[in-house]
Amino acid sequence: MGARSSRGTAYAENQRHRDKAEVFELSLARVSRQVGKAAAQAAAELKAERLAAARGDASAPASGGGATAKATTPRPSRARPATKTTGGLKKDASSRAQGARRQAQRDAR
């Protein structure tokens, strides 16, 4: 146990861990570059598809092929906004209506 806990042995073991971490980082960087290339290519394809659809809609609305392709692969344009709620739609609506009534009373003065 004394030989195993010496500084020289600990350094060698830590060197092995450092080497493993370096290999992992290199492979992670390689994969990240490939994912980046794929993302850029997908973005370019999507942009070209949207531009083509915009041109097609403006010049020829009778081309039904583009509409069916969009219907089969729906893509959300952006994330839905968070809705502020205090426990129920009716309660929120009541609160808004109460505020509107107060404002109407002030405006009537």
N, C-alpha and C. Protein backbone atom coordinates (compact mmCIF):
# COMPACT_ATOMS: atom_id res chain seq x y z
N MET A 1 0.83 -1.18 0.00
CA MET A 1 0.00 0.00 0.00
C MET A 1 0.87 1.25 0.00
N GLY A 2 2.04 1.21 0.64
CA GLY A 2 2.94 2.36 0.66
C GLY A 2 3.48 2.68 -0.72
N ALA A 3 3.83 1.66 -1.49
CA ALA A 3 4.35 1.90 -2.84
C ALA A 3 3.27 2.43 -3.76
N ARG A 4 2.05 2.01 -3.54
CA ARG A 4 0.93 2.44 -4.39
C ARG A 4 0.57 3.90 -4.13
N SER A 5 0.79 4.37 -2.93
CA SER A 5 0.39 5.73 -2.61
C SER A 5 1.54 6.74 -2.76
N SER A 6 2.63 6.31 -3.34
CA SER A 6 3.75 7.24 -3.50
C SER A 6 3.43 8.24 -4.61
N ARG A 7 4.13 9.36 -4.58
CA ARG A 7 3.86 10.41 -5.56
C ARG A 7 4.18 9.97 -6.97
N GLY A 8 5.22 9.19 -7.13
CA GLY A 8 5.59 8.73 -8.47
C GLY A 8 4.53 7.85 -9.09
N THR A 9 3.96 6.96 -8.31
CA THR A 9 2.91 6.09 -8.81
C THR A 9 1.64 6.89 -9.11
N ALA A 10 1.32 7.80 -8.24
CA ALA A 10 0.13 8.61 -8.43
C ALA A 10 0.27 9.46 -9.70
N TYR A 11 1.46 9.97 -9.96
CA TYR A 11 1.66 10.79 -11.16
C TYR A 11 1.45 9.95 -12.41
N ALA A 12 1.96 8.72 -12.41
CA ALA A 12 1.80 7.85 -13.58
C ALA A 12 0.32 7.54 -13.82
N GLU A 13 -0.43 7.27 -12.75
CA GLU A 13 -1.85 6.99 -12.91
C GLU A 13 -2.59 8.23 -13.40
N ASN A 14 -2.24 9.38 -12.85
CA ASN A 14 -2.88 10.61 -13.31
C ASN A 14 -2.52 10.92 -14.75
N GLN A 15 -1.31 10.58 -15.16
CA GLN A 15 -0.91 10.78 -16.56
C GLN A 15 -1.80 9.94 -17.48
N ARG A 16 -2.09 8.73 -17.04
CA ARG A 16 -2.97 7.86 -17.83
C ARG A 16 -4.35 8.49 -17.96
N HIS A 17 -4.86 9.05 -16.87
CA HIS A 17 -6.17 9.71 -16.91
C HIS A 17 -6.12 10.94 -17.82
N ARG A 18 -5.03 11.67 -17.76
CA ARG A 18 -4.88 12.84 -18.64
C ARG A 18 -4.85 12.42 -20.09
N ASP A 19 -4.14 11.33 -20.39
CA ASP A 19 -4.09 10.83 -21.77
C ASP A 19 -5.47 10.40 -22.25
N LYS A 20 -6.20 9.72 -21.39
CA LYS A 20 -7.55 9.30 -21.76
C LYS A 20 -8.45 10.51 -22.00
N ALA A 21 -8.33 11.53 -21.16
CA ALA A 21 -9.13 12.73 -21.32
C ALA A 21 -8.79 13.45 -22.62
N GLU A 22 -7.52 13.47 -22.97
CA GLU A 22 -7.10 14.11 -24.21
C GLU A 22 -7.67 13.37 -25.42
N VAL A 23 -7.62 12.04 -25.40
CA VAL A 23 -8.18 11.25 -26.50
C VAL A 23 -9.68 11.52 -26.60
N PHE A 24 -10.36 11.57 -25.46
CA PHE A 24 -11.80 11.85 -25.47
C PHE A 24 -12.09 13.23 -26.04
N GLU A 25 -11.31 14.23 -25.65
CA GLU A 25 -11.53 15.59 -26.15
C GLU A 25 -11.29 15.67 -27.65
N LEU A 26 -10.29 14.97 -28.13
CA LEU A 26 -10.03 14.98 -29.57
C LEU A 26 -11.18 14.33 -30.35
N SER A 27 -11.66 13.20 -29.85
CA SER A 27 -12.77 12.55 -30.54
C SER A 27 -14.04 13.39 -30.44
N LEU A 28 -14.25 14.04 -29.30
CA LEU A 28 -15.41 14.91 -29.14
C LEU A 28 -15.33 16.09 -30.11
N ALA A 29 -14.16 16.66 -30.27
CA ALA A 29 -13.99 17.77 -31.21
C ALA A 29 -14.28 17.32 -32.64
N ARG A 30 -13.83 16.12 -32.98
CA ARG A 30 -14.06 15.59 -34.32
C ARG A 30 -15.56 15.41 -34.57
N VAL A 31 -16.25 14.84 -33.59
CA VAL A 31 -17.70 14.64 -33.73
C VAL A 31 -18.42 15.99 -33.78
N SER A 32 -17.98 16.94 -32.98
CA SER A 32 -18.61 18.26 -32.98
C SER A 32 -18.47 18.93 -34.33
N ARG A 33 -17.31 18.80 -34.96
CA ARG A 33 -17.14 19.37 -36.30
C ARG A 33 -18.09 18.71 -37.29
N GLN A 34 -18.24 17.39 -37.21
CA GLN A 34 -19.13 16.70 -38.13
C GLN A 34 -20.59 17.11 -37.90
N VAL A 35 -20.97 17.26 -36.64
CA VAL A 35 -22.34 17.69 -36.33
C VAL A 35 -22.55 19.12 -36.83
N GLY A 36 -21.55 19.96 -36.69
CA GLY A 36 -21.64 21.33 -37.18
C GLY A 36 -21.83 21.39 -38.68
N LYS A 37 -21.07 20.55 -39.39
CA LYS A 37 -21.22 20.50 -40.85
C LYS A 37 -22.61 20.03 -41.24
N ALA A 38 -23.10 18.99 -40.55
CA ALA A 38 -24.43 18.47 -40.86
C ALA A 38 -25.51 19.51 -40.56
N ALA A 39 -25.34 20.25 -39.47
CA ALA A 39 -26.32 21.29 -39.12
C ALA A 39 -26.30 22.41 -40.15
N ALA A 40 -25.13 22.80 -40.58
CA ALA A 40 -25.03 23.86 -41.59
C ALA A 40 -25.66 23.42 -42.91
N GLN A 41 -25.44 22.16 -43.28
CA GLN A 41 -26.02 21.64 -44.51
C GLN A 41 -27.55 21.58 -44.39
N ALA A 42 -28.05 21.13 -43.26
CA ALA A 42 -29.50 21.07 -43.06
C ALA A 42 -30.11 22.47 -43.08
N ALA A 43 -29.41 23.43 -42.49
CA ALA A 43 -29.91 24.81 -42.48
C ALA A 43 -29.95 25.37 -43.90
N ALA A 44 -28.92 25.07 -44.68
CA ALA A 44 -28.90 25.55 -46.07
C ALA A 44 -30.02 24.91 -46.88
N GLU A 45 -30.25 23.62 -46.68
CA GLU A 45 -31.33 22.95 -47.40
C GLU A 45 -32.68 23.52 -47.01
N LEU A 46 -32.87 23.75 -45.72
CA LEU A 46 -34.13 24.31 -45.25
C LEU A 46 -34.35 25.72 -45.80
N LYS A 47 -33.29 26.51 -45.83
CA LYS A 47 -33.39 27.87 -46.38
C LYS A 47 -33.76 27.82 -47.85
N ALA A 48 -33.10 26.93 -48.60
CA ALA A 48 -33.39 26.81 -50.03
C ALA A 48 -34.83 26.34 -50.24
N GLU A 49 -35.28 25.42 -49.40
CA GLU A 49 -36.65 24.92 -49.51
C GLU A 49 -37.66 26.02 -49.23
N ARG A 50 -37.39 26.82 -48.20
CA ARG A 50 -38.31 27.91 -47.87
C ARG A 50 -38.33 28.98 -48.97
N LEU A 51 -37.16 29.30 -49.52
CA LEU A 51 -37.11 30.28 -50.60
C LEU A 51 -37.85 29.76 -51.83
N ALA A 52 -37.67 28.49 -52.14
CA ALA A 52 -38.37 27.91 -53.28
C ALA A 52 -39.87 27.90 -53.05
N ALA A 53 -40.29 27.60 -51.84
CA ALA A 53 -41.71 27.61 -51.53
C ALA A 53 -42.28 29.02 -51.63
N ALA A 54 -41.51 30.00 -51.18
CA ALA A 54 -41.98 31.39 -51.25
C ALA A 54 -42.09 31.84 -52.69
N ARG A 55 -41.13 31.48 -53.50
CA ARG A 55 -41.19 31.83 -54.92
C ARG A 55 -42.34 31.10 -55.60
N GLY A 56 -42.51 29.85 -55.26
CA GLY A 56 -43.57 29.05 -55.87
C GLY A 56 -44.95 29.55 -55.49
N ASP A 57 -45.13 29.96 -54.24
CA ASP A 57 -46.43 30.46 -53.80
C ASP A 57 -46.76 31.78 -54.48
N ALA A 58 -45.78 32.62 -54.69
CA ALA A 58 -46.03 33.94 -55.28
C ALA A 58 -46.33 33.83 -56.77
N SER A 59 -45.67 32.90 -57.48
CA SER A 59 -45.83 32.83 -58.92
C SER A 59 -46.91 31.84 -59.36
N ALA A 60 -47.01 30.70 -58.67
CA ALA A 60 -47.97 29.69 -59.10
C ALA A 60 -48.64 29.06 -57.88
N PRO A 61 -49.81 29.56 -57.48
CA PRO A 61 -50.46 29.00 -56.30
C PRO A 61 -51.08 27.63 -56.56
N ALA A 62 -51.19 27.18 -57.81
CA ALA A 62 -51.83 25.91 -58.13
C ALA A 62 -50.91 24.71 -57.96
N SER A 63 -49.65 24.90 -57.56
CA SER A 63 -48.73 23.78 -57.39
C SER A 63 -49.03 23.11 -56.06
N GLY A 64 -49.79 22.03 -56.08
CA GLY A 64 -50.21 21.34 -54.86
C GLY A 64 -49.13 20.49 -54.26
N GLY A 65 -48.03 20.21 -54.96
CA GLY A 65 -46.97 19.35 -54.45
C GLY A 65 -46.27 19.93 -53.24
N GLY A 66 -46.08 21.23 -53.21
CA GLY A 66 -45.39 21.84 -52.09
C GLY A 66 -46.23 21.82 -50.82
N ALA A 67 -47.54 21.97 -50.97
CA ALA A 67 -48.40 22.00 -49.80
C ALA A 67 -48.49 20.62 -49.14
N THR A 68 -48.51 19.56 -49.94
CA THR A 68 -48.60 18.23 -49.35
C THR A 68 -47.29 17.84 -48.69
N ALA A 69 -46.17 18.30 -49.24
CA ALA A 69 -44.88 17.99 -48.63
C ALA A 69 -44.78 18.67 -47.27
N LYS A 70 -45.27 19.88 -47.15
CA LYS A 70 -45.23 20.56 -45.86
C LYS A 70 -46.18 19.89 -44.87
N ALA A 71 -47.30 19.39 -45.36
CA ALA A 71 -48.27 18.76 -44.47
C ALA A 71 -47.73 17.47 -43.89
N THR A 72 -46.89 16.76 -44.64
CA THR A 72 -46.38 15.49 -44.13
C THR A 72 -45.25 15.68 -43.14
N THR A 73 -44.49 16.78 -43.26
CA THR A 73 -43.38 17.02 -42.34
C THR A 73 -43.57 18.38 -41.66
N PRO A 74 -44.43 18.45 -40.65
CA PRO A 74 -44.63 19.75 -39.99
C PRO A 74 -43.43 20.11 -39.13
N ARG A 75 -43.07 21.36 -39.21
CA ARG A 75 -41.96 21.86 -38.40
C ARG A 75 -42.43 23.08 -37.64
N PRO A 76 -42.29 23.09 -36.35
CA PRO A 76 -42.71 24.27 -35.61
C PRO A 76 -41.79 25.44 -35.91
N SER A 77 -42.40 26.61 -36.13
CA SER A 77 -41.59 27.78 -36.47
C SER A 77 -40.82 28.30 -35.28
N ARG A 78 -41.43 28.25 -34.10
CA ARG A 78 -40.73 28.68 -32.88
C ARG A 78 -41.45 28.07 -31.69
N ALA A 79 -40.83 28.16 -30.58
CA ALA A 79 -41.41 27.59 -29.36
C ALA A 79 -42.62 28.41 -28.93
N ARG A 80 -43.60 27.74 -28.36
CA ARG A 80 -44.78 28.44 -27.88
C ARG A 80 -44.40 29.32 -26.71
N PRO A 81 -44.97 30.53 -26.64
CA PRO A 81 -44.64 31.40 -25.51
C PRO A 81 -45.24 30.85 -24.22
N ALA A 82 -44.58 31.14 -23.14
CA ALA A 82 -45.07 30.71 -21.84
C ALA A 82 -46.31 31.52 -21.49
N THR A 83 -47.30 30.85 -20.96
CA THR A 83 -48.52 31.55 -20.56
C THR A 83 -48.51 31.76 -19.06
N LYS A 84 -48.81 32.97 -18.66
CA LYS A 84 -48.88 33.27 -17.24
C LYS A 84 -50.26 32.86 -16.75
N THR A 85 -50.30 32.00 -15.77
CA THR A 85 -51.57 31.57 -15.22
C THR A 85 -51.44 31.44 -13.72
N THR A 86 -52.52 31.76 -13.05
CA THR A 86 -52.50 31.69 -11.59
C THR A 86 -53.31 30.51 -11.08
N GLY A 87 -53.74 29.64 -11.93
CA GLY A 87 -54.46 28.48 -11.47
C GLY A 87 -55.66 28.12 -12.33
N GLY A 88 -55.98 28.88 -13.32
CA GLY A 88 -57.10 28.51 -14.16
C GLY A 88 -57.45 29.59 -15.15
N LEU A 89 -58.00 29.17 -16.28
CA LEU A 89 -58.35 30.12 -17.33
C LEU A 89 -59.48 31.05 -16.89
N LYS A 90 -60.47 30.49 -16.21
CA LYS A 90 -61.59 31.33 -15.77
C LYS A 90 -61.14 32.39 -14.77
N LYS A 91 -60.25 32.00 -13.87
CA LYS A 91 -59.76 32.95 -12.88
C LYS A 91 -58.96 34.06 -13.56
N ASP A 92 -58.14 33.69 -14.54
CA ASP A 92 -57.37 34.70 -15.26
C ASP A 92 -58.29 35.64 -16.03
N ALA A 93 -59.31 35.09 -16.68
CA ALA A 93 -60.24 35.91 -17.44
C ALA A 93 -61.00 36.86 -16.52
N SER A 94 -61.37 36.36 -15.36
CA SER A 94 -62.08 37.20 -14.39
C SER A 94 -61.20 38.34 -13.92
N SER A 95 -59.95 38.06 -13.68
CA SER A 95 -59.02 39.08 -13.23
C SER A 95 -58.84 40.16 -14.30
N ARG A 96 -58.71 39.74 -15.56
CA ARG A 96 -58.58 40.72 -16.64
C ARG A 96 -59.84 41.57 -16.77
N ALA A 97 -60.99 40.94 -16.65
CA ALA A 97 -62.25 41.67 -16.77
C ALA A 97 -62.40 42.67 -15.63
N GLN A 98 -62.00 42.28 -14.44
CA GLN A 98 -62.08 43.19 -13.29
C GLN A 98 -61.19 44.41 -13.53
N GLY A 99 -59.99 44.18 -14.07
CA GLY A 99 -59.11 45.30 -14.37
C GLY A 99 -59.70 46.21 -15.43
N ALA A 100 -60.36 45.61 -16.43
CA ALA A 100 -60.99 46.41 -17.48
C ALA A 100 -62.13 47.25 -16.91
N ARG A 101 -62.90 46.68 -15.99
CA ARG A 101 -63.98 47.44 -15.35
C ARG A 101 -63.44 48.61 -14.55
N ARG A 102 -62.36 48.38 -13.82
CA ARG A 102 -61.75 49.48 -13.05
C ARG A 102 -61.28 50.60 -13.97
N GLN A 103 -60.64 50.21 -15.07
CA GLN A 103 -60.16 51.22 -16.01
C GLN A 103 -61.32 51.98 -16.63
N ALA A 104 -62.40 51.30 -16.94
CA ALA A 104 -63.58 51.97 -17.53
C ALA A 104 -64.17 52.97 -16.56
N GLN A 105 -64.19 52.62 -15.26
CA GLN A 105 -64.69 53.57 -14.26
C GLN A 105 -63.80 54.80 -14.20
N ARG A 106 -62.49 54.62 -14.27
CA ARG A 106 -61.58 55.77 -14.23
C ARG A 106 -61.77 56.65 -15.48
N ASP A 107 -61.92 56.00 -16.62
CA ASP A 107 -62.07 56.75 -17.87
C ASP A 107 -63.39 57.53 -17.88
N ALA A 108 -64.41 56.99 -17.20
CA ALA A 108 -65.73 57.66 -17.20
C ALA A 108 -65.76 58.91 -16.32
N ARG A 109 -64.83 59.08 -15.43
CA ARG A 109 -64.83 60.24 -14.52
C ARG A 109 -64.51 61.53 -15.22
